[in-house]
Amino acid sequence: MEKASIHTYIRNMMALPFLPAAEIEPAFQLLAARANSEQITKFVRYIEEQWLNHRIFDIYSLSVYGISGRTNNDSKGWHHSLNRKAGGQKLTFYRLVPELRA
């Protein structure tokens, strides 16, 4: 594979979680069949072992299809506003609790 096609291949692998859970495995198999170098084959094995065949997480927890909040931006925004309102980032417990109650 040339550099541009490797980039596209990796981006396609990274896009798998955006598919419905039932479509992730078939799409992965199509991509895995296109692996034509040792490095890409190692990458495919990594994805398969660490993400698709994980002992704790199943493929349904990998899929973010149809989920509106796919990032932690909402929680980061909440923490930022709390820190700003409380006047600092390193709050003591006794300064934090009244802010949480407000």
C-alpha atoms as a PDB file:
ATOM      1  CA  MET A   1       0.000   0.000   0.000  1.00  0.00           C
ATOM      2  CA  GLU A   2       1.193   3.487  -0.708  1.00  0.00           C
ATOM      3  CA  LYS A   3       1.215   6.151   1.994  1.00  0.00           C
ATOM      4  CA  ALA A   4      -2.123   7.755   1.019  1.00  0.00           C
ATOM      5  CA  SER A   5      -3.930   4.417   0.889  1.00  0.00           C
ATOM      6  CA  ILE A   6      -2.470   3.399   4.279  1.00  0.00           C
ATOM      7  CA  HIS A   7      -3.811   6.644   5.713  1.00  0.00           C
ATOM      8  CA  THR A   8      -7.263   5.922   4.253  1.00  0.00           C
ATOM      9  CA  TYR A   9      -7.121   2.328   5.507  1.00  0.00           C
ATOM     10  CA  ILE A  10      -6.360   3.435   9.068  1.00  0.00           C
ATOM     11  CA  ARG A  11      -9.091   6.095   8.916  1.00  0.00           C
ATOM     12  CA  ASN A  12     -11.554   3.403   7.802  1.00  0.00           C
ATOM     13  CA  MET A  13     -10.555   1.261  10.793  1.00  0.00           C
ATOM     14  CA  MET A  14     -10.994   4.266  13.085  1.00  0.00           C
ATOM     15  CA  ALA A  15     -14.487   4.802  11.661  1.00  0.00           C
ATOM     16  CA  LEU A  16     -15.724   1.316  12.605  1.00  0.00           C
ATOM     17  CA  PRO A  17     -17.257   2.444  15.945  1.00  0.00           C
ATOM     18  CA  PHE A  18     -19.542   4.826  14.033  1.00  0.00           C
ATOM     19  CA  LEU A  19     -21.300   1.850  12.409  1.00  0.00           C
ATOM     20  CA  PRO A  20     -24.231   0.016  13.989  1.00  0.00           C
ATOM     21  CA  ALA A  21     -22.861  -2.748  16.238  1.00  0.00           C
ATOM     22  CA  ALA A  22     -24.093  -5.537  13.948  1.00  0.00           C
ATOM     23  CA  GLU A  23     -22.160  -4.054  11.007  1.00  0.00           C
ATOM     24  CA  ILE A  24     -18.792  -3.580  12.732  1.00  0.00           C
ATOM     25  CA  GLU A  25     -17.565  -7.179  12.431  1.00  0.00           C
ATOM     26  CA  PRO A  26     -18.456  -7.606   8.714  1.00  0.00           C
ATOM     27  CA  ALA A  27     -16.881  -4.233   7.868  1.00  0.00           C
ATOM     28  CA  PHE A  28     -13.773  -5.175   9.855  1.00  0.00           C
ATOM     29  CA  GLN A  29     -13.507  -8.478   7.968  1.00  0.00           C
ATOM     30  CA  LEU A  30     -13.673  -6.621   4.638  1.00  0.00           C
ATOM     31  CA  LEU A  31     -10.893  -4.294   5.768  1.00  0.00           C
ATOM     32  CA  ALA A  32      -8.836  -7.149   7.232  1.00  0.00           C
ATOM     33  CA  ALA A  33      -8.967  -8.978   3.901  1.00  0.00           C
ATOM     34  CA  ARG A  34      -7.256  -5.972   2.280  1.00  0.00           C
ATOM     35  CA  ALA A  35      -4.222  -6.120   4.601  1.00  0.00           C
ATOM     36  CA  ASN A  36      -1.266  -6.648   2.293  1.00  0.00           C
ATOM     37  CA  SER A  37       1.796  -5.963   4.406  1.00  0.00           C
ATOM     38  CA  GLU A  38       3.219  -7.232   7.670  1.00  0.00           C
ATOM     39  CA  GLN A  39       2.705  -3.876   9.384  1.00  0.00           C
ATOM     40  CA  ILE A  40      -0.934  -3.647   8.325  1.00  0.00           C
ATOM     41  CA  THR A  41      -1.497  -7.261   9.389  1.00  0.00           C
ATOM     42  CA  LYS A  42      -0.068  -6.440  12.837  1.00  0.00           C
ATOM     43  CA  PHE A  43      -2.376  -3.426  13.024  1.00  0.00           C
ATOM     44  CA  VAL A  44      -5.377  -5.592  12.079  1.00  0.00           C
ATOM     45  CA  ARG A  45      -4.435  -8.142  14.756  1.00  0.00           C
ATOM     46  CA  TYR A  46      -4.151  -5.352  17.334  1.00  0.00           C
ATOM     47  CA  ILE A  47      -7.625  -4.011  16.480  1.00  0.00           C
ATOM     48  CA  GLU A  48      -9.072  -7.505  16.603  1.00  0.00           C
ATOM     49  CA  GLU A  49      -7.457  -8.502  19.912  1.00  0.00           C
ATOM     50  CA  GLN A  50      -7.765  -5.218  21.795  1.00  0.00           C
ATOM     51  CA  TRP A  51     -11.116  -3.962  20.546  1.00  0.00           C
ATOM     52  CA  LEU A  52     -13.228  -6.573  18.785  1.00  0.00           C
ATOM     53  CA  ASN A  53     -12.441  -9.696  20.826  1.00  0.00           C
ATOM     54  CA  HIS A  54     -11.987  -8.017  24.189  1.00  0.00           C
ATOM     55  CA  ARG A  55     -12.898 -10.158  27.211  1.00  0.00           C
ATOM     56  CA  ILE A  56     -14.657  -7.379  29.100  1.00  0.00           C
ATOM     57  CA  PHE A  57     -16.198  -5.142  26.435  1.00  0.00           C
ATOM     58  CA  ASP A  58     -18.354  -6.500  23.653  1.00  0.00           C
ATOM     59  CA  ILE A  59     -18.846  -5.036  20.209  1.00  0.00           C
ATOM     60  CA  TYR A  60     -22.071  -3.343  21.314  1.00  0.00           C
ATOM     61  CA  SER A  61     -20.175  -1.180  23.791  1.00  0.00           C
ATOM     62  CA  LEU A  62     -17.712  -0.254  21.029  1.00  0.00           C
ATOM     63  CA  SER A  63     -20.404   1.165  18.746  1.00  0.00           C
ATOM     64  CA  VAL A  64     -21.341   4.831  19.143  1.00  0.00           C
ATOM     65  CA  TYR A  65     -23.880   4.689  16.323  1.00  0.00           C
ATOM     66  CA  GLY A  66     -26.884   6.882  17.110  1.00  0.00           C
ATOM     67  CA  ILE A  67     -25.390   8.252  20.338  1.00  0.00           C
ATOM     68  CA  SER A  68     -25.630  12.017  20.467  1.00  0.00           C
ATOM     69  CA  GLY A  69     -22.828  12.653  23.003  1.00  0.00           C
ATOM     70  CA  ARG A  70     -19.816  10.733  21.720  1.00  0.00           C
ATOM     71  CA  THR A  71     -17.183  12.862  23.431  1.00  0.00           C
ATOM     72  CA  ASN A  72     -16.499  14.130  26.904  1.00  0.00           C
ATOM     73  CA  ASN A  73     -16.862  17.781  25.836  1.00  0.00           C
ATOM     74  CA  ASP A  74     -20.037  18.140  27.908  1.00  0.00           C
ATOM     75  CA  SER A  75     -18.316  17.064  31.119  1.00  0.00           C
ATOM     76  CA  LYS A  76     -15.253  19.198  30.346  1.00  0.00           C
ATOM     77  CA  GLY A  77     -17.507  22.217  29.882  1.00  0.00           C
ATOM     78  CA  TRP A  78     -19.292  21.512  33.157  1.00  0.00           C
ATOM     79  CA  HIS A  79     -15.985  21.168  35.029  1.00  0.00           C
ATOM     80  CA  HIS A  80     -14.667  24.364  33.455  1.00  0.00           C
ATOM     81  CA  SER A  81     -17.741  26.344  34.503  1.00  0.00           C
ATOM     82  CA  LEU A  82     -17.588  24.893  38.027  1.00  0.00           C
ATOM     83  CA  ASN A  83     -13.910  25.834  38.361  1.00  0.00           C
ATOM     84  CA  ARG A  84     -14.586  29.337  37.062  1.00  0.00           C
ATOM     85  CA  LYS A  85     -17.561  29.807  39.379  1.00  0.00           C
ATOM     86  CA  ALA A  86     -15.635  28.504  42.408  1.00  0.00           C
ATOM     87  CA  GLY A  87     -12.594  30.619  41.617  1.00  0.00           C
ATOM     88  CA  GLY A  88      -9.939  28.019  40.974  1.00  0.00           C
ATOM     89  CA  GLN A  89      -8.955  24.573  39.818  1.00  0.00           C
ATOM     90  CA  LYS A  90      -7.529  23.150  43.041  1.00  0.00           C
ATOM     91  CA  LEU A  91     -10.509  23.443  45.325  1.00  0.00           C
ATOM     92  CA  THR A  92     -10.571  22.061  48.828  1.00  0.00           C
ATOM     93  CA  PHE A  93     -13.422  19.779  49.734  1.00  0.00           C
ATOM     94  CA  TYR A  94     -15.023  22.499  51.849  1.00  0.00           C
ATOM     95  CA  ARG A  95     -14.958  24.997  48.966  1.00  0.00           C
ATOM     96  CA  LEU A  96     -16.238  22.461  46.453  1.00  0.00           C
ATOM     97  CA  VAL A  97     -19.304  21.170  48.332  1.00  0.00           C
ATOM     98  CA  PRO A  98     -21.133  24.535  48.531  1.00  0.00           C
ATOM     99  CA  GLU A  99     -20.542  25.037  44.798  1.00  0.00           C
ATOM    100  CA  LEU A 100     -22.008  21.624  44.024  1.00  0.00           C
ATOM    101  CA  ARG A 101     -25.048  22.363  46.173  1.00  0.00           C
ATOM    102  CA  ALA A 102     -25.706  25.725  44.484  1.00  0.00           C
END
